[in-house]
Amino acid sequence: MADIPEQWNAIYDHLVGIAASKMAQHVISKLVVAATAYFVWQERNARLFSNKKRSPEKLAEVILTTVRLKLHTCRFKNSVQVHSILHDWKLPRGLLIEDDDCG
């Protein structure tokens, strides 16, 4: 999503366009936006109702850790792009499936 402008309309339009996609980068984009919305909402509620605050850096760390944990439950088809994604997200190669394992 690095090429998407940092505006909600642009992010929304991008997500609508990839909604049905199962490509690894698209799944990760959807997970990151969903986790961000959830944790920003949670942070808002914590600030309003319990006077607790997290720094933006801590909030970003929680979001990325949550997405990384969710990615551990996924299985990815073996490709150069997926190898790059696994490396970038510090995920084990054991998440790869071989082509003959697919249905």
N, C-alpha and C. Protein backbone atom coordinates (compact mmCIF):
# COMPACT_ATOMS: atom_id res chain seq x y z
N MET A 1 0.82 -1.19 0.00
CA MET A 1 0.00 0.00 0.00
C MET A 1 0.86 1.25 0.00
N ALA A 2 2.12 1.09 -0.23
CA ALA A 2 3.03 2.24 -0.21
C ALA A 2 2.68 3.26 -1.28
N ASP A 3 2.05 2.80 -2.37
CA ASP A 3 1.71 3.70 -3.48
C ASP A 3 0.36 4.40 -3.29
N ILE A 4 -0.36 4.06 -2.23
CA ILE A 4 -1.69 4.63 -2.00
C ILE A 4 -1.53 5.92 -1.20
N PRO A 5 -2.18 7.01 -1.64
CA PRO A 5 -2.11 8.26 -0.86
C PRO A 5 -2.67 8.05 0.55
N GLU A 6 -2.15 8.78 1.50
CA GLU A 6 -2.57 8.65 2.89
C GLU A 6 -3.86 9.44 3.14
N GLN A 7 -4.89 9.06 2.43
CA GLN A 7 -6.22 9.67 2.57
C GLN A 7 -7.23 8.54 2.64
N TRP A 8 -8.24 8.68 3.53
CA TRP A 8 -9.22 7.60 3.72
C TRP A 8 -9.93 7.22 2.43
N ASN A 9 -10.26 8.20 1.61
CA ASN A 9 -10.96 7.89 0.35
C ASN A 9 -10.09 7.02 -0.56
N ALA A 10 -8.82 7.33 -0.65
CA ALA A 10 -7.91 6.54 -1.49
C ALA A 10 -7.73 5.14 -0.93
N ILE A 11 -7.59 5.03 0.39
CA ILE A 11 -7.43 3.72 1.03
C ILE A 11 -8.70 2.89 0.83
N TYR A 12 -9.85 3.51 1.03
CA TYR A 12 -11.12 2.82 0.84
C TYR A 12 -11.27 2.33 -0.61
N ASP A 13 -11.00 3.19 -1.56
CA ASP A 13 -11.10 2.81 -2.97
C ASP A 13 -10.17 1.64 -3.28
N HIS A 14 -8.97 1.67 -2.74
CA HIS A 14 -8.02 0.59 -2.95
C HIS A 14 -8.55 -0.72 -2.36
N LEU A 15 -9.08 -0.66 -1.14
CA LEU A 15 -9.59 -1.86 -0.48
C LEU A 15 -10.81 -2.44 -1.21
N VAL A 16 -11.67 -1.58 -1.71
CA VAL A 16 -12.81 -2.07 -2.47
C VAL A 16 -12.34 -2.80 -3.72
N GLY A 17 -11.32 -2.29 -4.34
CA GLY A 17 -10.78 -2.91 -5.55
C GLY A 17 -10.12 -4.26 -5.32
N ILE A 18 -9.65 -4.52 -4.10
CA ILE A 18 -8.96 -5.78 -3.80
C ILE A 18 -9.75 -6.66 -2.84
N ALA A 19 -10.99 -6.32 -2.60
CA ALA A 19 -11.79 -7.01 -1.58
C ALA A 19 -11.82 -8.53 -1.75
N ALA A 20 -11.95 -9.00 -2.96
CA ALA A 20 -12.06 -10.44 -3.20
C ALA A 20 -10.71 -11.12 -3.45
N SER A 21 -9.65 -10.34 -3.51
CA SER A 21 -8.33 -10.88 -3.83
C SER A 21 -7.76 -11.72 -2.69
N LYS A 22 -7.07 -12.79 -3.06
CA LYS A 22 -6.39 -13.62 -2.07
C LYS A 22 -4.87 -13.51 -2.20
N MET A 23 -4.41 -12.54 -3.00
CA MET A 23 -2.97 -12.32 -3.12
C MET A 23 -2.42 -11.92 -1.76
N ALA A 24 -1.24 -12.41 -1.43
CA ALA A 24 -0.65 -12.17 -0.11
C ALA A 24 -0.59 -10.69 0.24
N GLN A 25 -0.11 -9.86 -0.69
CA GLN A 25 0.01 -8.43 -0.39
C GLN A 25 -1.35 -7.80 -0.16
N HIS A 26 -2.39 -8.27 -0.84
CA HIS A 26 -3.73 -7.72 -0.65
C HIS A 26 -4.34 -8.16 0.68
N VAL A 27 -4.11 -9.41 1.04
CA VAL A 27 -4.59 -9.91 2.34
C VAL A 27 -3.94 -9.11 3.46
N ILE A 28 -2.65 -8.88 3.34
CA ILE A 28 -1.93 -8.11 4.37
C ILE A 28 -2.44 -6.68 4.43
N SER A 29 -2.70 -6.07 3.28
CA SER A 29 -3.25 -4.71 3.27
C SER A 29 -4.56 -4.65 4.02
N LYS A 30 -5.44 -5.62 3.76
CA LYS A 30 -6.75 -5.65 4.43
C LYS A 30 -6.59 -5.87 5.93
N LEU A 31 -5.66 -6.75 6.32
CA LEU A 31 -5.42 -7.00 7.74
C LEU A 31 -4.88 -5.75 8.45
N VAL A 32 -3.96 -5.05 7.80
CA VAL A 32 -3.37 -3.86 8.42
C VAL A 32 -4.43 -2.77 8.62
N VAL A 33 -5.27 -2.56 7.63
CA VAL A 33 -6.31 -1.53 7.76
C VAL A 33 -7.32 -1.94 8.84
N ALA A 34 -7.72 -3.20 8.86
CA ALA A 34 -8.69 -3.66 9.86
C ALA A 34 -8.11 -3.55 11.27
N ALA A 35 -6.87 -3.98 11.45
CA ALA A 35 -6.23 -3.89 12.77
C ALA A 35 -6.05 -2.43 13.19
N THR A 36 -5.70 -1.59 12.25
CA THR A 36 -5.53 -0.17 12.56
C THR A 36 -6.84 0.44 13.01
N ALA A 37 -7.91 0.18 12.30
CA ALA A 37 -9.23 0.71 12.68
C ALA A 37 -9.61 0.22 14.08
N TYR A 38 -9.40 -1.06 14.34
CA TYR A 38 -9.77 -1.62 15.63
C TYR A 38 -8.97 -1.00 16.77
N PHE A 39 -7.64 -0.93 16.62
CA PHE A 39 -6.82 -0.44 17.72
C PHE A 39 -6.92 1.08 17.89
N VAL A 40 -7.18 1.81 16.84
CA VAL A 40 -7.42 3.25 16.99
C VAL A 40 -8.73 3.46 17.74
N TRP A 41 -9.75 2.67 17.39
CA TRP A 41 -11.03 2.74 18.12
C TRP A 41 -10.83 2.38 19.59
N GLN A 42 -10.06 1.32 19.85
CA GLN A 42 -9.78 0.91 21.23
C GLN A 42 -9.03 2.01 21.98
N GLU A 43 -8.07 2.63 21.32
CA GLU A 43 -7.31 3.72 21.94
C GLU A 43 -8.21 4.91 22.26
N ARG A 44 -9.09 5.23 21.32
CA ARG A 44 -10.05 6.31 21.55
C ARG A 44 -10.89 6.04 22.79
N ASN A 45 -11.41 4.81 22.90
CA ASN A 45 -12.23 4.46 24.05
C ASN A 45 -11.43 4.50 25.35
N ALA A 46 -10.20 4.02 25.32
CA ALA A 46 -9.36 4.04 26.51
C ALA A 46 -9.10 5.47 26.97
N ARG A 47 -8.87 6.37 26.02
CA ARG A 47 -8.62 7.77 26.38
C ARG A 47 -9.87 8.45 26.92
N LEU A 48 -11.01 8.11 26.35
CA LEU A 48 -12.26 8.73 26.79
C LEU A 48 -12.76 8.20 28.12
N PHE A 49 -12.67 6.90 28.32
CA PHE A 49 -13.35 6.28 29.45
C PHE A 49 -12.45 5.84 30.59
N SER A 50 -11.15 5.75 30.37
CA SER A 50 -10.29 5.30 31.46
C SER A 50 -9.00 6.11 31.60
N ASN A 51 -8.89 7.19 30.86
CA ASN A 51 -7.72 8.08 30.97
C ASN A 51 -6.39 7.37 30.73
N LYS A 52 -6.39 6.33 29.92
CA LYS A 52 -5.15 5.63 29.57
C LYS A 52 -4.73 6.07 28.19
N LYS A 53 -3.41 6.18 27.99
CA LYS A 53 -2.88 6.60 26.69
C LYS A 53 -1.68 5.75 26.31
N ARG A 54 -1.59 5.45 25.03
CA ARG A 54 -0.40 4.80 24.48
C ARG A 54 0.22 5.78 23.48
N SER A 55 1.50 5.70 23.34
CA SER A 55 2.18 6.56 22.37
C SER A 55 1.85 6.06 20.96
N PRO A 56 1.96 6.92 19.97
CA PRO A 56 1.75 6.47 18.58
C PRO A 56 2.68 5.31 18.22
N GLU A 57 3.91 5.33 18.72
CA GLU A 57 4.86 4.27 18.43
C GLU A 57 4.39 2.94 19.02
N LYS A 58 3.89 2.99 20.25
CA LYS A 58 3.38 1.77 20.91
C LYS A 58 2.15 1.25 20.18
N LEU A 59 1.27 2.14 19.76
CA LEU A 59 0.08 1.74 19.04
C LEU A 59 0.45 1.08 17.71
N ALA A 60 1.41 1.64 17.00
CA ALA A 60 1.88 1.05 15.74
C ALA A 60 2.49 -0.33 16.00
N GLU A 61 3.24 -0.47 17.08
CA GLU A 61 3.84 -1.76 17.43
C GLU A 61 2.76 -2.81 17.71
N VAL A 62 1.72 -2.42 18.42
CA VAL A 62 0.61 -3.35 18.72
C VAL A 62 -0.08 -3.78 17.43
N ILE A 63 -0.31 -2.85 16.53
CA ILE A 63 -0.97 -3.16 15.25
C ILE A 63 -0.12 -4.14 14.44
N LEU A 64 1.15 -3.83 14.28
CA LEU A 64 2.03 -4.68 13.47
C LEU A 64 2.23 -6.06 14.09
N THR A 65 2.34 -6.12 15.41
CA THR A 65 2.47 -7.41 16.09
C THR A 65 1.21 -8.25 15.91
N THR A 66 0.07 -7.63 16.00
CA THR A 66 -1.20 -8.34 15.81
C THR A 66 -1.31 -8.89 14.40
N VAL A 67 -0.97 -8.08 13.42
CA VAL A 67 -1.01 -8.54 12.02
C VAL A 67 -0.01 -9.68 11.82
N ARG A 68 1.19 -9.52 12.36
CA ARG A 68 2.20 -10.58 12.23
C ARG A 68 1.70 -11.89 12.84
N LEU A 69 1.07 -11.83 14.00
CA LEU A 69 0.53 -13.03 14.63
C LEU A 69 -0.56 -13.66 13.77
N LYS A 70 -1.42 -12.85 13.20
CA LYS A 70 -2.46 -13.37 12.32
C LYS A 70 -1.84 -14.03 11.08
N LEU A 71 -0.79 -13.44 10.55
CA LEU A 71 -0.13 -14.01 9.37
C LEU A 71 0.47 -15.38 9.66
N HIS A 72 0.78 -15.65 10.92
CA HIS A 72 1.28 -16.97 11.29
C HIS A 72 0.23 -18.06 11.10
N THR A 73 -1.03 -17.69 10.97
CA THR A 73 -2.09 -18.68 10.76
C THR A 73 -2.37 -18.89 9.27
N CYS A 74 -1.71 -18.14 8.42
CA CYS A 74 -1.94 -18.22 6.98
C CYS A 74 -0.95 -19.18 6.33
N ARG A 75 -1.31 -19.64 5.16
CA ARG A 75 -0.41 -20.44 4.33
C ARG A 75 -0.27 -19.72 3.00
N PHE A 76 0.95 -19.65 2.49
CA PHE A 76 1.24 -18.88 1.29
C PHE A 76 1.79 -19.77 0.19
N LYS A 77 1.37 -19.49 -1.04
CA LYS A 77 1.94 -20.19 -2.19
C LYS A 77 3.36 -19.71 -2.40
N ASN A 78 4.22 -20.62 -2.79
CA ASN A 78 5.63 -20.33 -2.97
C ASN A 78 5.85 -19.44 -4.20
N SER A 79 6.37 -18.24 -3.99
CA SER A 79 6.71 -17.33 -5.08
C SER A 79 7.77 -16.35 -4.59
N VAL A 80 8.39 -15.67 -5.52
CA VAL A 80 9.41 -14.67 -5.18
C VAL A 80 8.78 -13.56 -4.34
N GLN A 81 7.59 -13.13 -4.74
CA GLN A 81 6.89 -12.07 -4.00
C GLN A 81 6.62 -12.51 -2.56
N VAL A 82 6.17 -13.73 -2.38
CA VAL A 82 5.85 -14.24 -1.04
C VAL A 82 7.12 -14.36 -0.20
N HIS A 83 8.22 -14.79 -0.80
CA HIS A 83 9.49 -14.85 -0.06
C HIS A 83 9.87 -13.47 0.46
N SER A 84 9.67 -12.45 -0.35
CA SER A 84 9.96 -11.08 0.07
C SER A 84 9.04 -10.67 1.23
N ILE A 85 7.77 -11.02 1.14
CA ILE A 85 6.81 -10.70 2.19
C ILE A 85 7.19 -11.41 3.50
N LEU A 86 7.53 -12.70 3.40
CA LEU A 86 7.93 -13.43 4.60
C LEU A 86 9.15 -12.80 5.25
N HIS A 87 10.10 -12.38 4.43
CA HIS A 87 11.31 -11.72 4.95
C HIS A 87 10.96 -10.39 5.61
N ASP A 88 10.16 -9.57 4.92
CA ASP A 88 9.80 -8.24 5.44
C ASP A 88 9.04 -8.33 6.77
N TRP A 89 8.17 -9.33 6.89
CA TRP A 89 7.35 -9.48 8.09
C TRP A 89 7.99 -10.40 9.12
N LYS A 90 9.21 -10.88 8.82
CA LYS A 90 9.94 -11.77 9.74
C LYS A 90 9.11 -13.01 10.08
N LEU A 91 8.58 -13.64 9.01
CA LEU A 91 7.76 -14.84 9.16
C LEU A 91 8.56 -16.07 8.74
N PRO A 92 8.27 -17.22 9.34
CA PRO A 92 9.02 -18.43 8.99
C PRO A 92 8.65 -18.97 7.61
N ARG A 93 9.60 -19.61 6.97
CA ARG A 93 9.37 -20.20 5.65
C ARG A 93 8.42 -21.39 5.73
N GLY A 94 8.18 -21.88 6.93
CA GLY A 94 7.26 -22.99 7.12
C GLY A 94 5.81 -22.64 6.75
N LEU A 95 5.53 -21.36 6.52
CA LEU A 95 4.18 -20.94 6.12
C LEU A 95 3.93 -21.15 4.63
N LEU A 96 4.98 -21.56 3.91
CA LEU A 96 4.84 -21.80 2.46
C LEU A 96 4.20 -23.17 2.22
N ILE A 97 3.37 -23.23 1.20
CA ILE A 97 2.83 -24.50 0.76
C ILE A 97 3.37 -24.79 -0.63
N GLU A 98 3.54 -26.03 -0.95
CA GLU A 98 3.98 -26.42 -2.28
C GLU A 98 2.77 -26.45 -3.20
N ASP A 99 3.00 -26.23 -4.50
CA ASP A 99 1.92 -26.21 -5.47
C ASP A 99 1.11 -27.49 -5.47
N ASP A 100 1.76 -28.64 -5.27
CA ASP A 100 1.03 -29.90 -5.29
C ASP A 100 0.21 -30.12 -4.02
N ASP A 101 0.41 -29.28 -2.99
CA ASP A 101 -0.41 -29.35 -1.77
C ASP A 101 -1.75 -28.68 -1.96
N CYS A 102 -1.85 -27.84 -2.99
CA CYS A 102 -3.08 -27.09 -3.24
C CYS A 102 -4.04 -27.96 -4.03
N GLY A 103 -5.33 -27.81 -3.70
CA GLY A 103 -6.38 -28.55 -4.21
C GLY A 103 -6.69 -28.88 -5.54
